[in-house]
Amino acid sequence: MKATEIRDFNAEEIQQKVLDLKEALFNLRFQHEIGQLENPKKIGETKRDIARLKTILNEKI
């Protein structure tokens, strides 16, 4: 997800995306622990997306 795309969202949409990505991160970590995750880089990408969303949310507030 690119920062330019995120800036088009309002604050509520960004907060919802953060919650969705946190849930996805939990599931990715669980899959990684039981050995079902095919691409471990997806965990890092999800963390960066969460950080990007939170940064832009703080800019808007």
C-alpha atoms as a PDB file:
ATOM      1  CA  MET A   1       0.000   0.000   0.000  1.00  0.00           C
ATOM      2  CA  LYS A   2       1.427   3.337  -1.019  1.00  0.00           C
ATOM      3  CA  ALA A   3       1.374   6.498   1.053  1.00  0.00           C
ATOM      4  CA  THR A   4      -0.418   8.420  -1.693  1.00  0.00           C
ATOM      5  CA  GLU A   5      -3.264   5.900  -1.584  1.00  0.00           C
ATOM      6  CA  ILE A   6      -3.476   6.134   2.203  1.00  0.00           C
ATOM      7  CA  ARG A   7      -3.659   9.929   2.190  1.00  0.00           C
ATOM      8  CA  ASP A   8      -6.912   9.706   0.212  1.00  0.00           C
ATOM      9  CA  PHE A   9      -8.608   7.887   3.120  1.00  0.00           C
ATOM     10  CA  ASN A  10     -10.230   9.660   6.055  1.00  0.00           C
ATOM     11  CA  ALA A  11      -9.166   9.004   9.660  1.00  0.00           C
ATOM     12  CA  GLU A  12     -11.846   6.391  10.347  1.00  0.00           C
ATOM     13  CA  GLU A  13     -10.916   4.386   7.264  1.00  0.00           C
ATOM     14  CA  ILE A  14      -7.247   4.458   8.241  1.00  0.00           C
ATOM     15  CA  GLN A  15      -8.059   3.253  11.746  1.00  0.00           C
ATOM     16  CA  GLN A  16     -10.134   0.399  10.313  1.00  0.00           C
ATOM     17  CA  LYS A  17      -7.273  -0.573   7.977  1.00  0.00           C
ATOM     18  CA  VAL A  18      -4.872  -0.629  10.946  1.00  0.00           C
ATOM     19  CA  LEU A  19      -7.205  -2.967  12.836  1.00  0.00           C
ATOM     20  CA  ASP A  20      -7.566  -5.217   9.800  1.00  0.00           C
ATOM     21  CA  LEU A  21      -3.811  -5.378   9.263  1.00  0.00           C
ATOM     22  CA  LYS A  22      -3.175  -6.128  12.945  1.00  0.00           C
ATOM     23  CA  GLU A  23      -5.547  -9.077  12.681  1.00  0.00           C
ATOM     24  CA  ALA A  24      -3.827 -10.198   9.480  1.00  0.00           C
ATOM     25  CA  LEU A  25      -0.430  -9.905  11.194  1.00  0.00           C
ATOM     26  CA  PHE A  26      -1.648 -12.098  14.046  1.00  0.00           C
ATOM     27  CA  ASN A  27      -2.788 -14.724  11.547  1.00  0.00           C
ATOM     28  CA  LEU A  28       0.508 -14.530   9.634  1.00  0.00           C
ATOM     29  CA  ARG A  29       2.499 -15.027  12.834  1.00  0.00           C
ATOM     30  CA  PHE A  30       0.333 -18.000  13.741  1.00  0.00           C
ATOM     31  CA  GLN A  31       0.790 -19.546  10.293  1.00  0.00           C
ATOM     32  CA  HIS A  32       4.543 -18.966  10.533  1.00  0.00           C
ATOM     33  CA  GLU A  33       4.747 -20.780  13.870  1.00  0.00           C
ATOM     34  CA  ILE A  34       2.919 -23.852  12.619  1.00  0.00           C
ATOM     35  CA  GLY A  35       4.870 -23.885   9.369  1.00  0.00           C
ATOM     36  CA  GLN A  36       2.113 -23.038   6.907  1.00  0.00           C
ATOM     37  CA  LEU A  37       3.375 -19.610   5.835  1.00  0.00           C
ATOM     38  CA  GLU A  38       4.906 -19.772   2.371  1.00  0.00           C
ATOM     39  CA  ASN A  39       6.281 -16.227   2.260  1.00  0.00           C
ATOM     40  CA  PRO A  40       7.725 -15.003   5.598  1.00  0.00           C
ATOM     41  CA  LYS A  41       8.463 -11.601   4.042  1.00  0.00           C
ATOM     42  CA  LYS A  42       4.736 -10.935   4.190  1.00  0.00           C
ATOM     43  CA  ILE A  43       5.071 -10.396   7.963  1.00  0.00           C
ATOM     44  CA  GLY A  44       7.534  -7.557   7.459  1.00  0.00           C
ATOM     45  CA  GLU A  45       5.460  -6.011   4.702  1.00  0.00           C
ATOM     46  CA  THR A  46       2.397  -6.030   6.939  1.00  0.00           C
ATOM     47  CA  LYS A  47       4.333  -4.398   9.792  1.00  0.00           C
ATOM     48  CA  ARG A  48       5.539  -1.658   7.456  1.00  0.00           C
ATOM     49  CA  ASP A  49       2.015  -1.071   6.182  1.00  0.00           C
ATOM     50  CA  ILE A  50       0.760  -0.687   9.758  1.00  0.00           C
ATOM     51  CA  ALA A  51       3.541   1.777  10.545  1.00  0.00           C
ATOM     52  CA  ARG A  52       2.833   3.728   7.348  1.00  0.00           C
ATOM     53  CA  LEU A  53      -0.873   3.934   8.205  1.00  0.00           C
ATOM     54  CA  LYS A  54      -0.178   5.084  11.756  1.00  0.00           C
ATOM     55  CA  THR A  55       2.272   7.731  10.568  1.00  0.00           C
ATOM     56  CA  ILE A  56      -0.182   9.209   8.105  1.00  0.00           C
ATOM     57  CA  LEU A  57      -2.963   9.038  10.718  1.00  0.00           C
ATOM     58  CA  ASN A  58      -0.808  11.074  13.107  1.00  0.00           C
ATOM     59  CA  GLU A  59      -0.183  13.627  10.353  1.00  0.00           C
ATOM     60  CA  LYS A  60      -3.925  14.065   9.886  1.00  0.00           C
ATOM     61  CA  ILE A  61      -4.678  14.536  13.581  1.00  0.00           C
END
